[in-house]
Amino acid sequence: MTGINQQNRIARLAASIADLEVDALLISDEVNVRYLSGFTGDSTWLLVRPDASATLLSDGRYKIQLAQECPALPAVIRPPSQKMGELLAEVVSGLSGVRRIGLEADHVHMTMYRDLQSKLSDVTWVETSARVERLRAIKDADEVATIRRSISIAQQAFKSVTANFSAKKTEADIHYELEAEMRSLGAEGVSFHPIIGAEPNGALPHYHPGNVPLGDCRTLLMDWGAKVDGYCSDLTRTLHRPGSKSATSDRFAAAYEAVLEAQLAAIAAIRDGVEAVTVDAAARAVLAKAGLGDAFNHGLGHGFGLQIHEDPRMGPSSTETLRTGMVLTVEPGVYFENEFGIRIEDDLLVTDTGCEVLSDLPKGLDDCPLVM
């Protein structure tokens, strides 16, 4: 991340806290610290003032790394004998007029809060929620470029791994091969634990792959993503064995086409200013018309970036509005207990005129064969 991006992000945060009437905002969540400062380590806090000045609080392990990754930001380093609350109290005592400090209430546990109260007894603590997360929901050009690379690596790995299936390969084997291939292509790892579900296991939306061989299974659900420079991707394809003629295969084909139609309807509804719940409803209406409404048992999608689940969330109870620059998944699915599951997931960028589908793996019924 460039120094300009870092300064812009901190300035946007500083402007967004004017309504709180605080003298500083303490950022303690590691992901939020990384987003604002560019620091990729842990155990580090960032104190932001309303004038957009900011100070990093850390320890000796990261002195060199902080200088390399955040050269424009002052850093105060505590010795091993000093705790973070004590360091914060020391820093605050050296600042004039700091009487009200905002806390990230979503990330502060009670033990930490009580410690801060004892160390800074003259400070009034103000609870805040999702101040940085709301900024993170709108991606800048550098973030979008990194996400594009993450998607590209995930897709390349998928093509490579699925081209070498065999009946003896297990769900776990496929997981390991996907991760190894993504790492060989430049990823730092997976963006989440891949979901590799053969036939009935595909009906478990958050299934963990086991030592289940592909054997003669007829369907395989694969949900995976790469992590590149901290940024995630998130894709799902459901493969099926071609040429099979049975009541089960006919039912699968009909359900697959309905899920695909639902996804395309949702994508068509995405644009700047649309309510997330409206997009979810567009997909849900298609599946309900096909008699599959009850089989769609989760939200339509979610934002992602430095974390695999970020704002906005798209579901029946969503309250967010989609805005240009948001990057999100669209992933309708239907699940039939002890039979199979179907999910189709792509990554999208919200634009002024609609959206751009960032992933381009084929997804038609005939495009996703399970070949061994």
Protein backbone atom coordinates (compact mmCIF):
# COMPACT_ATOMS: atom_id res chain seq x y z
CA MET A 1 0.00 0.00 0.00
CA THR A 2 1.32 3.45 -0.87
CA GLY A 3 1.84 6.21 1.68
CA ILE A 4 -0.78 8.27 -0.12
CA ASN A 5 -3.39 5.55 0.37
CA GLN A 6 -2.47 5.29 4.04
CA GLN A 7 -2.83 9.06 4.54
CA ASN A 8 -6.14 9.11 2.65
CA ARG A 9 -7.59 6.27 4.72
CA ILE A 10 -6.58 7.83 8.03
CA ALA A 11 -7.96 11.20 6.88
CA ARG A 12 -11.29 9.60 5.90
CA LEU A 13 -11.51 7.91 9.28
CA ALA A 14 -10.68 11.16 11.09
CA ALA A 15 -13.43 12.96 9.17
CA SER A 16 -15.92 10.21 9.95
CA ILE A 17 -15.52 10.50 13.72
CA ALA A 18 -16.40 14.19 13.99
CA ASP A 19 -19.86 13.30 15.28
CA LEU A 20 -18.36 11.39 18.21
CA GLU A 21 -16.71 14.50 19.68
CA VAL A 22 -13.70 12.45 20.72
CA ASP A 23 -10.11 13.60 21.08
CA ALA A 24 -8.76 10.34 19.64
CA LEU A 25 -9.88 6.96 18.35
CA LEU A 26 -8.02 3.81 19.41
CA ILE A 27 -7.84 1.18 16.66
CA SER A 28 -7.00 -2.18 18.21
CA ASP A 29 -8.32 -4.66 15.63
CA GLU A 30 -5.36 -6.06 13.67
CA VAL A 31 -7.17 -6.02 10.32
CA ASN A 32 -8.23 -2.42 10.77
CA VAL A 33 -4.72 -1.43 11.81
CA ARG A 34 -3.41 -3.04 8.64
CA TYR A 35 -6.00 -1.31 6.46
CA LEU A 36 -5.16 2.13 7.85
CA SER A 37 -1.40 1.84 8.27
CA GLY A 38 -0.15 -0.90 5.96
CA PHE A 39 1.41 -2.78 8.89
CA THR A 40 1.08 -6.54 8.43
CA GLY A 41 2.12 -7.67 11.90
CA ASP A 42 0.06 -8.08 15.07
CA SER A 43 -0.03 -6.84 18.68
CA THR A 44 -0.08 -3.24 17.49
CA TRP A 45 -2.56 -0.40 18.05
CA LEU A 46 -3.13 2.81 16.13
CA LEU A 47 -4.21 6.04 17.84
CA VAL A 48 -5.89 8.43 15.41
CA ARG A 49 -6.60 12.11 16.20
CA PRO A 50 -9.35 14.27 14.63
CA ASP A 51 -6.67 16.23 12.73
CA ALA A 52 -5.67 12.96 10.95
CA SER A 53 -2.42 12.60 12.86
CA ALA A 54 -1.80 9.02 13.96
CA THR A 55 0.62 7.05 16.11
CA LEU A 56 1.40 3.33 16.13
CA LEU A 57 1.90 1.59 19.47
CA SER A 58 3.85 -1.67 19.33
CA ASP A 59 6.78 -3.62 20.77
CA GLY A 60 10.41 -4.28 19.95
CA ARG A 61 9.71 -7.29 17.74
CA TYR A 62 8.28 -5.00 15.10
CA LYS A 63 10.55 -1.96 15.24
CA ILE A 64 12.25 -2.71 11.92
CA GLN A 65 9.09 -3.98 10.23
CA LEU A 66 7.17 -0.84 11.22
CA ALA A 67 9.91 1.35 9.79
CA GLN A 68 9.81 -0.62 6.54
CA GLU A 69 6.04 -0.87 6.11
CA CYS A 70 4.90 2.43 7.68
CA PRO A 71 7.78 4.91 7.27
CA ALA A 72 5.48 7.94 7.36
CA LEU A 73 3.80 7.00 10.64
CA PRO A 74 5.44 7.64 14.02
CA ALA A 75 5.71 4.51 16.16
CA VAL A 76 6.17 4.23 19.91
CA ILE A 77 7.81 0.99 21.01
CA ARG A 78 7.24 -0.49 24.46
CA PRO A 79 9.88 -2.50 26.32
CA PRO A 80 9.14 -6.10 27.37
CA SER A 81 8.39 -4.90 30.93
CA GLN A 82 5.58 -2.58 29.79
CA LYS A 83 2.02 -3.58 28.85
CA MET A 84 0.03 -2.02 26.03
CA GLY A 85 -2.35 -0.20 28.38
CA GLU A 86 0.62 1.39 30.14
CA LEU A 87 2.13 2.43 26.81
CA LEU A 88 -1.15 4.00 25.73
CA ALA A 89 -1.36 5.92 29.01
CA GLU A 90 2.19 7.18 28.45
CA VAL A 91 1.41 8.32 24.90
CA VAL A 92 -1.86 9.99 25.90
CA SER A 93 -0.16 11.84 28.77
CA GLY A 94 2.13 13.44 26.20
CA LEU A 95 -0.79 14.73 24.12
CA SER A 96 -2.72 17.85 25.03
CA GLY A 97 -6.45 17.80 25.59
CA VAL A 98 -7.11 14.07 25.23
CA ARG A 99 -10.07 13.46 27.52
CA ARG A 100 -12.43 11.39 25.36
CA ILE A 101 -11.15 8.35 23.44
CA GLY A 102 -13.22 6.20 21.12
CA LEU A 103 -12.93 2.40 21.34
CA GLU A 104 -13.71 -0.26 18.76
CA ALA A 105 -16.42 -1.86 20.86
CA ASP A 106 -16.78 -4.77 18.44
CA HIS A 107 -13.17 -5.80 19.12
CA VAL A 108 -12.51 -4.89 22.76
CA HIS A 109 -13.08 -7.58 25.39
CA MET A 110 -14.01 -6.75 28.95
CA THR A 111 -10.57 -7.51 30.40
CA MET A 112 -8.94 -5.05 28.02
CA TYR A 113 -11.60 -2.42 28.69
CA ARG A 114 -11.19 -2.65 32.46
CA ASP A 115 -7.42 -2.46 32.12
CA LEU A 116 -7.70 0.70 30.02
CA GLN A 117 -10.08 2.22 32.55
CA SER A 118 -7.59 1.57 35.35
CA LYS A 119 -4.59 2.87 33.40
CA LEU A 120 -6.34 6.00 32.08
CA SER A 121 -8.77 6.82 34.86
CA ASP A 122 -9.23 10.42 33.73
CA VAL A 123 -10.35 9.37 30.22
CA THR A 124 -13.96 8.97 29.14
CA TRP A 125 -14.28 5.96 26.85
CA VAL A 126 -16.71 6.22 23.94
CA GLU A 127 -18.01 3.06 22.28
CA THR A 128 -17.85 3.00 18.48
CA SER A 129 -18.90 0.34 16.02
CA ALA A 130 -17.71 -0.50 12.49
CA ARG A 131 -16.16 2.91 11.81
CA VAL A 132 -13.22 1.42 9.92
CA GLU A 133 -15.25 -1.49 8.53
CA ARG A 134 -17.56 0.96 6.75
CA LEU A 135 -14.55 2.56 5.08
CA ARG A 136 -13.20 -0.87 4.12
CA ALA A 137 -16.47 -1.71 2.33
CA ILE A 138 -15.53 0.67 -0.51
CA LYS A 139 -12.39 -0.61 -2.22
CA ASP A 140 -9.84 1.70 -3.83
CA ALA A 141 -8.09 1.00 -7.12
CA ASP A 142 -5.13 -0.75 -5.48
CA GLU A 143 -7.41 -3.04 -3.51
CA VAL A 144 -9.45 -3.96 -6.58
CA ALA A 145 -6.26 -4.72 -8.52
CA THR A 146 -5.05 -7.04 -5.74
CA ILE A 147 -8.42 -8.78 -5.56
CA ARG A 148 -8.29 -9.33 -9.32
CA ARG A 149 -4.94 -11.09 -8.87
CA SER A 150 -6.37 -13.20 -6.08
CA ILE A 151 -9.30 -14.26 -8.25
CA SER A 152 -7.03 -15.03 -11.18
CA ILE A 153 -4.83 -17.30 -9.05
CA ALA A 154 -7.85 -19.07 -7.57
CA GLN A 155 -9.25 -19.73 -11.03
CA GLN A 156 -5.96 -21.00 -12.43
CA ALA A 157 -5.60 -23.39 -9.50
CA PHE A 158 -9.14 -24.69 -10.00
CA LYS A 159 -8.47 -25.47 -13.67
CA SER A 160 -5.24 -27.25 -12.85
CA VAL A 161 -6.61 -29.34 -9.98
CA THR A 162 -9.88 -30.36 -11.64
CA ALA A 163 -8.00 -31.51 -14.73
CA ASN A 164 -6.31 -34.21 -12.67
CA PHE A 165 -9.14 -35.86 -10.77
CA SER A 166 -9.22 -39.60 -10.15
CA ALA A 167 -11.63 -41.90 -8.35
CA LYS A 168 -9.06 -42.43 -5.56
CA LYS A 169 -8.61 -38.75 -4.77
CA THR A 170 -10.32 -37.64 -1.59
CA GLU A 171 -11.99 -34.38 -0.69
CA ALA A 172 -8.99 -33.62 1.55
CA ASP A 173 -6.56 -34.37 -1.31
CA ILE A 174 -8.35 -31.80 -3.47
CA HIS A 175 -8.21 -29.24 -0.66
CA TYR A 176 -4.44 -29.73 -0.25
CA GLU A 177 -3.83 -29.65 -4.00
CA LEU A 178 -5.80 -26.42 -4.37
CA GLU A 179 -3.82 -24.74 -1.62
CA ALA A 180 -0.48 -25.97 -2.97
CA GLU A 181 -1.33 -24.83 -6.49
CA MET A 182 -2.48 -21.39 -5.34
CA ARG A 183 0.71 -20.97 -3.33
CA SER A 184 2.81 -22.01 -6.31
CA LEU A 185 1.05 -19.34 -8.37
CA GLY A 186 1.92 -16.59 -5.87
CA ALA A 187 -0.78 -16.70 -3.19
CA GLU A 188 0.21 -16.54 0.47
CA GLY A 189 -2.39 -19.19 1.22
CA VAL A 190 -6.12 -19.86 1.18
CA SER A 191 -8.61 -17.14 2.07
CA PHE A 192 -10.66 -19.66 4.06
CA HIS A 193 -10.82 -23.40 4.68
CA PRO A 194 -11.97 -24.76 1.30
CA ILE A 195 -15.29 -26.60 1.13
CA ILE A 196 -14.96 -29.73 -0.99
CA GLY A 197 -18.15 -31.78 -0.72
CA ALA A 198 -18.73 -34.98 -2.69
CA GLU A 199 -22.41 -35.74 -3.40
CA PRO A 200 -24.29 -35.72 -0.01
CA ASN A 201 -21.54 -33.67 1.64
CA GLY A 202 -22.25 -30.88 -0.81
CA ALA A 203 -25.57 -30.39 0.99
CA LEU A 204 -23.65 -29.07 4.02
CA PRO A 205 -22.92 -25.40 3.20
CA HIS A 206 -19.91 -25.18 5.55
CA TYR A 207 -18.66 -28.75 5.22
CA HIS A 208 -15.03 -29.55 6.07
CA PRO A 209 -13.43 -31.92 3.54
CA GLY A 210 -12.63 -35.39 4.81
CA ASN A 211 -11.00 -38.58 3.60
CA VAL A 212 -13.88 -39.32 1.26
CA PRO A 213 -12.74 -40.57 -2.17
CA LEU A 214 -14.47 -39.26 -5.26
CA GLY A 215 -15.15 -42.84 -6.31
CA ASP A 216 -18.30 -42.88 -8.41
CA CYS A 217 -19.87 -39.76 -6.85
CA ARG A 218 -22.08 -37.87 -9.26
CA THR A 219 -21.70 -34.34 -7.91
CA LEU A 220 -18.92 -32.32 -6.27
CA LEU A 221 -19.29 -28.86 -4.72
CA MET A 222 -16.07 -26.81 -4.53
CA ASP A 223 -15.90 -23.50 -2.63
CA TRP A 224 -12.40 -22.00 -2.40
CA GLY A 225 -10.36 -18.82 -2.60
CA ALA A 226 -6.81 -17.49 -2.62
CA LYS A 227 -5.26 -14.85 -0.41
CA VAL A 228 -2.87 -12.45 -2.15
CA ASP A 229 -1.13 -9.60 -0.29
CA GLY A 230 -3.77 -9.96 2.39
CA TYR A 231 -6.77 -9.83 0.04
CA CYS A 232 -9.21 -12.69 -0.48
CA SER A 233 -11.20 -14.23 -3.30
CA ASP A 234 -14.22 -16.50 -2.94
CA LEU A 235 -15.59 -18.79 -5.67
CA THR A 236 -17.86 -21.82 -5.89
CA ARG A 237 -18.56 -24.26 -8.68
CA THR A 238 -20.65 -27.42 -8.54
CA LEU A 239 -19.44 -30.19 -10.83
CA HIS A 240 -21.52 -33.14 -12.00
CA ARG A 241 -20.81 -36.37 -13.81
CA PRO A 242 -21.98 -35.95 -17.42
CA GLY A 243 -24.00 -38.49 -19.39
CA SER A 244 -25.88 -39.91 -16.41
CA LYS A 245 -29.59 -40.54 -16.98
CA SER A 246 -31.65 -41.01 -13.83
CA ALA A 247 -34.32 -39.31 -11.77
CA THR A 248 -31.57 -37.93 -9.54
CA SER A 249 -29.62 -36.47 -12.45
CA ASP A 250 -32.77 -34.93 -13.90
CA ARG A 251 -33.56 -33.35 -10.55
CA PHE A 252 -29.99 -32.07 -10.26
CA ALA A 253 -30.10 -30.53 -13.74
CA ALA A 254 -33.39 -28.74 -13.06
CA ALA A 255 -32.15 -27.42 -9.73
CA TYR A 256 -28.82 -26.36 -11.24
CA GLU A 257 -30.51 -24.34 -13.97
CA ALA A 258 -32.72 -22.65 -11.35
CA VAL A 259 -29.70 -21.70 -9.21
CA LEU A 260 -27.91 -20.30 -12.25
CA GLU A 261 -30.98 -18.30 -13.25
CA ALA A 262 -31.24 -16.97 -9.68
CA GLN A 263 -27.60 -15.89 -9.72
CA LEU A 264 -27.96 -14.12 -13.07
CA ALA A 265 -31.12 -12.35 -11.84
CA ALA A 266 -29.26 -11.09 -8.77
CA ILE A 267 -26.28 -9.91 -10.82
CA ALA A 268 -28.62 -8.02 -13.13
CA ALA A 269 -30.13 -6.23 -10.11
CA ILE A 270 -26.81 -4.95 -8.74
CA ARG A 271 -26.00 -1.28 -9.16
CA ASP A 272 -24.97 1.73 -7.11
CA GLY A 273 -27.76 2.76 -4.75
CA VAL A 274 -29.76 -0.47 -4.76
CA GLU A 275 -30.69 -2.01 -1.43
CA ALA A 276 -28.88 -5.27 -0.69
CA VAL A 277 -32.15 -6.86 0.35
CA THR A 278 -33.56 -6.12 -3.12
CA VAL A 279 -30.74 -8.08 -4.78
CA ASP A 280 -31.27 -10.99 -2.40
CA ALA A 281 -35.00 -10.94 -3.18
CA ALA A 282 -34.33 -11.12 -6.94
CA ALA A 283 -32.50 -14.44 -6.52
CA ARG A 284 -34.93 -15.76 -3.93
CA ALA A 285 -37.93 -15.09 -6.21
CA VAL A 286 -36.45 -17.25 -8.98
CA LEU A 287 -35.86 -20.17 -6.65
CA ALA A 288 -39.29 -19.83 -5.06
CA LYS A 289 -40.91 -19.93 -8.51
CA ALA A 290 -38.98 -23.14 -9.22
CA GLY A 291 -40.29 -24.65 -5.97
CA LEU A 292 -36.87 -24.42 -4.32
CA GLY A 293 -37.38 -21.51 -1.94
CA ASP A 294 -37.04 -23.63 1.18
CA ALA A 295 -33.84 -25.22 -0.14
CA PHE A 296 -32.07 -21.82 -0.20
CA ASN A 297 -31.15 -21.50 3.45
CA HIS A 298 -28.54 -18.73 3.61
CA GLY A 299 -27.92 -15.17 2.47
CA LEU A 300 -27.16 -14.37 -1.14
CA GLY A 301 -23.67 -12.99 -0.64
CA HIS A 302 -21.27 -10.74 1.23
CA GLY A 303 -18.48 -8.27 0.81
CA PHE A 304 -14.87 -9.40 1.12
CA GLY A 305 -11.37 -7.93 1.09
CA LEU A 306 -8.81 -8.26 3.89
CA GLN A 307 -11.33 -10.65 5.46
CA ILE A 308 -13.46 -13.22 3.72
CA HIS A 309 -16.66 -11.81 5.24
CA GLU A 310 -17.01 -8.04 5.23
CA ASP A 311 -19.76 -5.49 4.73
CA PRO A 312 -22.11 -5.43 2.94
CA ARG A 313 -24.16 -8.55 3.67
CA MET A 314 -26.90 -9.51 1.22
CA GLY A 315 -29.77 -11.42 2.76
CA PRO A 316 -33.46 -11.13 3.65
CA SER A 317 -32.64 -8.99 6.72
CA SER A 318 -29.93 -6.79 5.14
CA THR A 319 -30.08 -3.06 5.78
CA GLU A 320 -27.11 -1.97 3.64
CA THR A 321 -27.18 -0.07 0.38
CA LEU A 322 -24.75 -1.11 -2.36
CA ARG A 323 -22.27 1.55 -3.43
CA THR A 324 -19.77 1.92 -6.24
CA GLY A 325 -16.49 0.30 -5.24
CA MET A 326 -17.94 -2.49 -3.15
CA VAL A 327 -16.63 -5.97 -3.97
CA LEU A 328 -18.96 -8.82 -3.10
CA THR A 329 -20.00 -12.39 -3.79
CA VAL A 330 -23.24 -13.59 -5.33
CA GLU A 331 -23.76 -17.21 -4.28
CA PRO A 332 -27.27 -18.65 -4.30
CA GLY A 333 -27.49 -22.32 -3.41
CA VAL A 334 -29.93 -25.14 -2.80
CA TYR A 335 -29.33 -28.17 -0.59
CA PHE A 336 -30.97 -31.56 -0.41
CA GLU A 337 -30.12 -33.54 2.71
CA ASN A 338 -28.33 -36.85 2.06
CA GLU A 339 -28.38 -36.18 -1.69
CA PHE A 340 -26.42 -33.20 -3.03
CA GLY A 341 -25.97 -29.45 -2.84
CA ILE A 342 -25.63 -26.86 -5.60
CA ARG A 343 -24.02 -23.44 -5.21
CA ILE A 344 -22.71 -21.08 -7.88
CA GLU A 345 -20.58 -18.19 -6.68
CA ASP A 346 -18.83 -15.34 -8.46
CA ASP A 347 -17.06 -12.17 -7.31
CA LEU A 348 -18.34 -8.77 -8.45
CA LEU A 349 -17.44 -5.10 -8.33
CA VAL A 350 -20.29 -2.59 -7.98
CA THR A 351 -19.97 0.21 -10.55
CA ASP A 352 -21.83 3.42 -11.36
CA THR A 353 -23.70 1.69 -14.17
CA GLY A 354 -24.27 -1.75 -12.65
CA CYS A 355 -21.52 -4.22 -11.81
CA GLU A 356 -18.50 -5.98 -13.25
CA VAL A 357 -18.20 -9.73 -12.78
CA LEU A 358 -14.55 -10.17 -11.81
CA SER A 359 -14.49 -13.98 -12.06
CA ASP A 360 -14.99 -15.72 -15.37
CA LEU A 361 -14.92 -19.48 -14.85
CA PRO A 362 -17.61 -21.12 -17.02
CA LYS A 363 -20.70 -21.99 -15.00
CA GLY A 364 -23.31 -23.43 -17.33
CA LEU A 365 -24.56 -26.93 -16.57
CA ASP A 366 -22.57 -28.40 -19.46
CA ASP A 367 -19.51 -26.29 -18.54
CA CYS A 368 -18.95 -27.99 -15.18
CA PRO A 369 -18.36 -31.70 -15.78
CA LEU A 370 -16.92 -33.98 -13.12
CA VAL A 371 -14.41 -35.94 -15.18
CA MET A 372 -12.08 -38.67 -13.85
